[in-house]
Amino acid sequence: MRLNILVLVMLGVLGTTTCFGESACSHVNIDWISGHVPLPEDARVVLAREKGVLCEVILSIDNGLVPIYAGKDFVLAGQLFEDGRSVTRETLAAMPDMVERERERAALKNALKRENRKSFFQKNIKVLDEFVSLSFKPDQARDFFYVITDPNCSHCKELLPKLQQAALESGTEVKVIIYPVLGPQSRDMASLAICNGYSYQDYAGIKMPETAVSCERADRLIDRTEAFLRSSNLYSVPLMVAGDGSWVVENNDISLFRAHLGIEPGGETAGSGGGACIAGEAQ
């Protein structure tokens, strides 16, 4: 709401100024926009048109269309309202075909990324043990799988006890790879766990340390883990990988995971009930 009010205020101010000699959109392109706000590399402008002294821009970003409004030397994000109407909503409603195309494009792109990551882990499965920080191993364990987690990720924390239960039921070891993708706080928590030799139970209940923790072993392991997993284009957690690399589950969909272990019926397609923490998101 504050953002929408800001847009209205700026419109009121700009409406009293002298208009540009050129079109309100003549200077607006993806390079100019990215100079004001960080954008992913594949962001595209799919629409740019004048709205008074502003340029209404629709960007294609990740999973859909994102509206912004550009002035001569600034960018505003949010909805634009005029006479009690959401101009932004009307703009998006008038382009359903483009919205659907962008959704399909994003779905195909994400599917390709998943397949590429699955292939990556299949090819590199033998080196994953180098990045394991801790594990949970039932007495009767006959097999194992890997789980990649961030200690500050809520979806990971929700998943860990469910994985422990699945490990007990299936006689499978859980090998934990700590990947602090969410930022400095996550890295501090990862260092706490690694430097102090946390058990699986300790790690499942980890809290933010009151003071920064660091040790050579943690620094070295975290740096190597981050470099390795970034090379697979992985920027979200949790992720579970079979010990032989035959399957990957990208989120905390425990039903799909249990199906892979053979302790619950299910198919091979990605589940819809899982959640994930993505780099850049606050937890």
Protein backbone atom coordinates (compact mmCIF):
# COMPACT_ATOMS: atom_id res chain seq x y z
CA MET A 1 0.00 0.00 0.00
CA ARG A 2 2.81 2.44 0.83
CA LEU A 3 4.30 1.72 -2.58
CA ASN A 4 1.02 2.42 -4.34
CA ILE A 5 0.60 5.69 -2.45
CA LEU A 6 4.14 6.63 -3.45
CA VAL A 7 3.26 6.09 -7.10
CA LEU A 8 0.22 8.35 -6.75
CA VAL A 9 2.21 11.05 -4.99
CA MET A 10 4.90 10.99 -7.63
CA LEU A 11 2.27 11.22 -10.36
CA GLY A 12 0.80 14.27 -8.66
CA VAL A 13 4.21 15.93 -8.46
CA LEU A 14 5.24 15.00 -11.98
CA GLY A 15 1.92 16.12 -13.39
CA THR A 16 2.77 19.70 -12.47
CA THR A 17 6.16 19.65 -14.19
CA THR A 18 7.06 20.27 -17.78
CA CYS A 19 6.83 17.15 -19.93
CA PHE A 20 9.88 15.76 -21.67
CA GLY A 21 10.50 16.74 -25.24
CA GLU A 22 10.82 13.06 -26.11
CA SER A 23 8.55 10.12 -25.42
CA ALA A 24 8.39 9.05 -21.77
CA CYS A 25 9.71 5.66 -22.94
CA SER A 26 12.44 6.76 -25.34
CA HIS A 27 15.22 6.19 -22.79
CA VAL A 28 13.80 3.01 -21.24
CA ASN A 29 15.45 -0.32 -22.03
CA ILE A 30 16.65 -3.29 -20.01
CA ASP A 31 20.13 -1.80 -19.47
CA TRP A 32 18.70 1.49 -18.18
CA ILE A 33 16.30 -0.33 -15.85
CA SER A 34 19.02 -2.62 -14.49
CA GLY A 35 21.06 0.47 -13.69
CA HIS A 36 18.36 1.41 -11.16
CA VAL A 37 17.27 -1.98 -9.84
CA PRO A 38 19.02 -5.39 -9.92
CA LEU A 39 17.52 -7.80 -12.45
CA PRO A 40 18.24 -11.43 -13.34
CA GLU A 41 20.27 -11.92 -16.50
CA ASP A 42 17.32 -13.22 -18.53
CA ALA A 43 14.93 -10.37 -17.66
CA ARG A 44 13.23 -8.90 -20.74
CA VAL A 45 11.00 -5.92 -21.54
CA VAL A 46 7.78 -7.25 -23.09
CA LEU A 47 5.84 -3.96 -23.06
CA ALA A 48 6.77 -0.28 -22.76
CA ARG A 49 4.20 2.46 -23.32
CA GLU A 50 3.51 5.99 -22.14
CA LYS A 51 1.27 6.64 -19.17
CA GLY A 52 1.29 10.43 -18.88
CA VAL A 53 4.80 11.45 -17.84
CA LEU A 54 5.67 7.89 -16.87
CA CYS A 55 6.58 4.87 -18.96
CA GLU A 56 4.60 1.77 -18.04
CA VAL A 57 6.90 -1.24 -18.41
CA ILE A 58 6.08 -4.93 -18.15
CA LEU A 59 9.11 -7.12 -17.48
CA SER A 60 9.39 -10.85 -17.94
CA ILE A 61 11.18 -12.14 -14.84
CA ASP A 62 11.44 -15.74 -13.70
CA ASN A 63 7.92 -17.08 -13.32
CA GLY A 64 5.85 -14.25 -14.74
CA LEU A 65 5.29 -10.62 -15.65
CA VAL A 66 6.36 -7.78 -13.36
CA PRO A 67 5.06 -4.21 -13.83
CA ILE A 68 7.20 -1.15 -13.11
CA TYR A 69 6.89 2.56 -13.90
CA ALA A 70 9.84 4.57 -15.14
CA GLY A 71 10.39 8.30 -14.92
CA LYS A 72 13.20 10.30 -16.42
CA ASP A 73 15.71 9.17 -13.80
CA PHE A 74 13.89 6.79 -11.43
CA VAL A 75 11.92 3.53 -11.32
CA LEU A 76 8.84 2.73 -9.22
CA ALA A 77 7.55 -0.79 -8.54
CA GLY A 78 3.95 -1.57 -7.65
CA GLN A 79 0.46 -0.91 -8.93
CA LEU A 80 -0.57 2.35 -10.57
CA PHE A 81 -4.02 3.65 -9.66
CA GLU A 82 -6.07 6.28 -11.50
CA ASP A 83 -9.63 7.39 -10.69
CA GLY A 84 -10.04 4.47 -8.30
CA ARG A 85 -8.94 1.91 -10.92
CA SER A 86 -5.85 -0.23 -10.96
CA VAL A 87 -4.25 0.69 -14.28
CA THR A 88 -1.69 -2.05 -13.73
CA ARG A 89 -4.31 -4.74 -13.31
CA GLU A 90 -6.13 -3.56 -16.42
CA THR A 91 -2.89 -3.68 -18.41
CA LEU A 92 -2.15 -7.25 -17.37
CA ALA A 93 -5.76 -8.34 -17.91
CA ALA A 94 -5.57 -7.02 -21.49
CA MET A 95 -2.65 -9.30 -22.36
CA PRO A 96 -3.74 -12.82 -21.32
CA ASP A 97 -1.98 -14.49 -24.24
CA MET A 98 1.34 -12.94 -23.27
CA VAL A 99 0.82 -13.84 -19.62
CA GLU A 100 0.18 -17.46 -20.60
CA ARG A 101 3.17 -17.55 -22.96
CA GLU A 102 5.46 -16.24 -20.23
CA ARG A 103 4.14 -18.81 -17.77
CA GLU A 104 4.73 -21.61 -20.28
CA ARG A 105 8.18 -20.24 -21.07
CA ALA A 106 9.06 -20.10 -17.35
CA ALA A 107 7.74 -23.64 -16.80
CA LEU A 108 9.86 -24.99 -19.67
CA LYS A 109 12.90 -23.09 -18.44
CA ASN A 110 12.50 -24.42 -14.90
CA ALA A 111 11.97 -27.96 -16.18
CA LEU A 112 15.18 -27.70 -18.20
CA LYS A 113 17.07 -26.43 -15.15
CA ARG A 114 15.77 -29.36 -13.10
CA GLU A 115 16.85 -31.85 -15.75
CA ASN A 116 20.28 -30.22 -16.01
CA ARG A 117 20.72 -30.37 -12.23
CA LYS A 118 19.62 -34.01 -12.16
CA SER A 119 22.21 -34.78 -14.84
CA PHE A 120 24.83 -32.79 -12.90
CA PHE A 121 24.30 -34.82 -9.72
CA GLN A 122 24.29 -38.10 -11.63
CA LYS A 123 27.66 -37.21 -13.15
CA ASN A 124 29.14 -35.93 -9.88
CA ILE A 125 27.51 -38.25 -7.35
CA LYS A 126 30.83 -39.79 -6.31
CA VAL A 127 32.19 -36.46 -5.04
CA LEU A 128 29.19 -35.48 -2.90
CA ASP A 129 30.66 -37.19 0.16
CA GLU A 130 33.39 -34.54 0.17
CA PHE A 131 30.77 -31.94 1.18
CA VAL A 132 28.90 -33.88 3.88
CA SER A 133 29.00 -32.16 7.29
CA LEU A 134 26.94 -34.58 9.42
CA SER A 135 24.55 -37.49 9.13
CA PHE A 136 21.83 -39.59 10.72
CA LYS A 137 22.44 -43.33 10.34
CA PRO A 138 19.95 -45.89 11.68
CA ASP A 139 21.50 -49.12 13.00
CA GLN A 140 20.01 -51.14 10.16
CA ALA A 141 20.94 -48.65 7.40
CA ARG A 142 21.62 -50.43 4.09
CA ASP A 143 21.63 -47.41 1.79
CA PHE A 144 21.92 -43.62 1.97
CA PHE A 145 20.77 -40.37 0.39
CA TYR A 146 21.95 -36.77 0.51
CA VAL A 147 19.98 -33.71 1.64
CA ILE A 148 21.27 -30.22 0.84
CA THR A 149 20.05 -27.66 3.36
CA ASP A 150 20.49 -24.14 4.66
CA PRO A 151 20.44 -23.97 8.49
CA ASN A 152 18.33 -20.80 8.36
CA CYS A 153 15.75 -22.15 5.87
CA SER A 154 12.30 -22.73 7.40
CA HIS A 155 11.40 -25.35 4.78
CA CYS A 156 14.61 -27.26 5.56
CA LYS A 157 13.90 -27.19 9.30
CA GLU A 158 10.40 -28.51 8.66
CA LEU A 159 11.81 -31.31 6.52
CA LEU A 160 14.62 -32.63 8.74
CA PRO A 161 12.52 -34.57 11.31
CA LYS A 162 10.43 -36.04 8.49
CA LEU A 163 13.60 -37.24 6.77
CA GLN A 164 14.75 -38.81 10.02
CA GLN A 165 11.48 -40.73 10.28
CA ALA A 166 11.72 -41.83 6.64
CA ALA A 167 15.31 -42.95 7.23
CA LEU A 168 14.21 -45.13 10.16
CA GLU A 169 11.36 -46.67 8.16
CA SER A 170 13.48 -47.42 5.10
CA GLY A 171 16.80 -48.28 6.74
CA THR A 172 18.55 -45.42 4.95
CA GLU A 173 21.26 -43.03 6.12
CA VAL A 174 20.73 -39.25 5.78
CA LYS A 175 23.91 -37.42 4.74
CA VAL A 176 23.59 -33.66 5.26
CA ILE A 177 25.32 -31.13 3.02
CA ILE A 178 25.13 -27.62 4.49
CA TYR A 179 24.74 -24.94 1.82
CA PRO A 180 24.19 -21.45 3.35
CA VAL A 181 22.53 -19.95 0.30
CA LEU A 182 20.45 -17.39 2.22
CA GLY A 183 23.31 -15.12 3.26
CA PRO A 184 25.63 -14.16 6.16
CA GLN A 185 23.32 -15.33 8.96
CA SER A 186 23.08 -18.74 7.32
CA ARG A 187 26.85 -18.92 7.03
CA ASP A 188 27.25 -18.11 10.74
CA MET A 189 24.83 -20.92 11.60
CA ALA A 190 26.61 -23.30 9.22
CA SER A 191 29.95 -22.48 10.86
CA LEU A 192 28.43 -23.07 14.29
CA ALA A 193 27.30 -26.55 13.27
CA ILE A 194 30.54 -27.53 11.53
CA CYS A 195 32.99 -26.06 14.04
CA ASN A 196 31.18 -27.69 16.96
CA GLY A 197 30.60 -31.06 15.31
CA TYR A 198 26.81 -30.92 15.57
CA SER A 199 24.84 -34.15 15.45
CA TYR A 200 21.77 -34.48 13.21
CA GLN A 201 19.50 -33.67 16.17
CA ASP A 202 21.62 -30.65 17.13
CA TYR A 203 21.48 -29.37 13.56
CA ALA A 204 17.70 -29.86 13.30
CA GLY A 205 17.27 -27.54 16.30
CA ILE A 206 20.01 -25.04 15.46
CA LYS A 207 19.59 -21.39 16.52
CA MET A 208 21.34 -18.22 15.45
CA PRO A 209 24.62 -17.86 17.41
CA GLU A 210 24.89 -14.81 19.66
CA THR A 211 28.38 -14.13 18.35
CA ALA A 212 30.02 -14.99 15.05
CA VAL A 213 31.58 -18.44 14.89
CA SER A 214 34.40 -19.34 12.55
CA CYS A 215 37.03 -22.03 12.14
CA GLU A 216 39.32 -23.11 9.34
CA ARG A 217 37.47 -26.37 8.74
CA ALA A 218 34.11 -24.63 8.34
CA ASP A 219 35.47 -21.86 6.14
CA ARG A 220 37.15 -24.33 3.82
CA LEU A 221 34.19 -26.71 3.63
CA ILE A 222 31.59 -23.98 3.10
CA ASP A 223 33.63 -22.26 0.38
CA ARG A 224 34.12 -25.54 -1.50
CA THR A 225 30.45 -26.51 -1.10
CA GLU A 226 29.23 -23.15 -2.39
CA ALA A 227 31.51 -23.26 -5.43
CA PHE A 228 30.43 -26.80 -6.28
CA LEU A 229 26.68 -26.28 -5.91
CA ARG A 230 26.66 -22.93 -7.69
CA SER A 231 28.24 -24.68 -10.66
CA SER A 232 25.05 -26.77 -10.80
CA ASN A 233 22.96 -23.56 -10.89
CA LEU A 234 21.43 -24.47 -7.52
CA TYR A 235 20.15 -21.44 -5.60
CA SER A 236 17.35 -22.99 -3.57
CA VAL A 237 17.07 -25.56 -0.79
CA PRO A 238 16.23 -28.18 0.35
CA LEU A 239 17.24 -30.69 -2.29
CA MET A 240 17.44 -34.46 -1.87
CA VAL A 241 19.55 -36.76 -4.01
CA ALA A 242 19.64 -40.56 -4.12
CA GLY A 243 22.95 -42.09 -3.11
CA ASP A 244 23.43 -43.34 -6.67
CA GLY A 245 22.16 -40.10 -8.27
CA SER A 246 19.13 -41.84 -9.80
CA TRP A 247 16.61 -39.26 -8.57
CA VAL A 248 16.44 -35.72 -7.20
CA VAL A 249 13.66 -33.98 -5.24
CA GLU A 250 13.85 -30.19 -5.40
CA ASN A 251 11.85 -28.90 -2.40
CA ASN A 252 10.58 -30.36 0.86
CA ASP A 253 7.92 -32.54 -0.77
CA ILE A 254 8.14 -35.42 1.68
CA SER A 255 5.47 -37.49 -0.13
CA LEU A 256 7.48 -37.53 -3.35
CA PHE A 257 10.62 -38.30 -1.40
CA ARG A 258 8.98 -41.23 0.43
CA ALA A 259 7.73 -42.53 -2.90
CA HIS A 260 11.29 -42.55 -4.21
CA LEU A 261 12.36 -44.55 -1.16
CA GLY A 262 9.56 -47.04 -1.78
CA ILE A 263 7.81 -46.51 1.56
CA GLU A 264 4.83 -44.64 0.11
CA PRO A 265 3.01 -45.00 -3.22
CA GLY A 266 3.56 -42.25 -5.76
CA GLY A 267 4.78 -41.31 -9.20
CA GLU A 268 8.02 -39.96 -10.60
CA THR A 269 6.73 -36.47 -11.42
CA ALA A 270 7.57 -33.44 -9.31
CA GLY A 271 5.29 -33.01 -6.34
CA SER A 272 3.18 -29.91 -5.77
CA GLY A 273 3.09 -29.91 -1.98
CA GLY A 274 6.63 -28.84 -1.26
CA GLY A 275 8.27 -25.55 -0.39
CA ALA A 276 11.76 -24.21 -0.90
CA CYS A 277 13.96 -21.34 0.28
CA ILE A 278 15.48 -19.30 -2.55
CA ALA A 279 18.64 -17.19 -2.44
CA GLY A 280 17.73 -13.59 -1.67
CA GLU A 281 14.59 -14.42 0.29
CA ALA A 282 14.33 -13.34 3.91
CA GLN A 283 13.50 -16.08 6.42
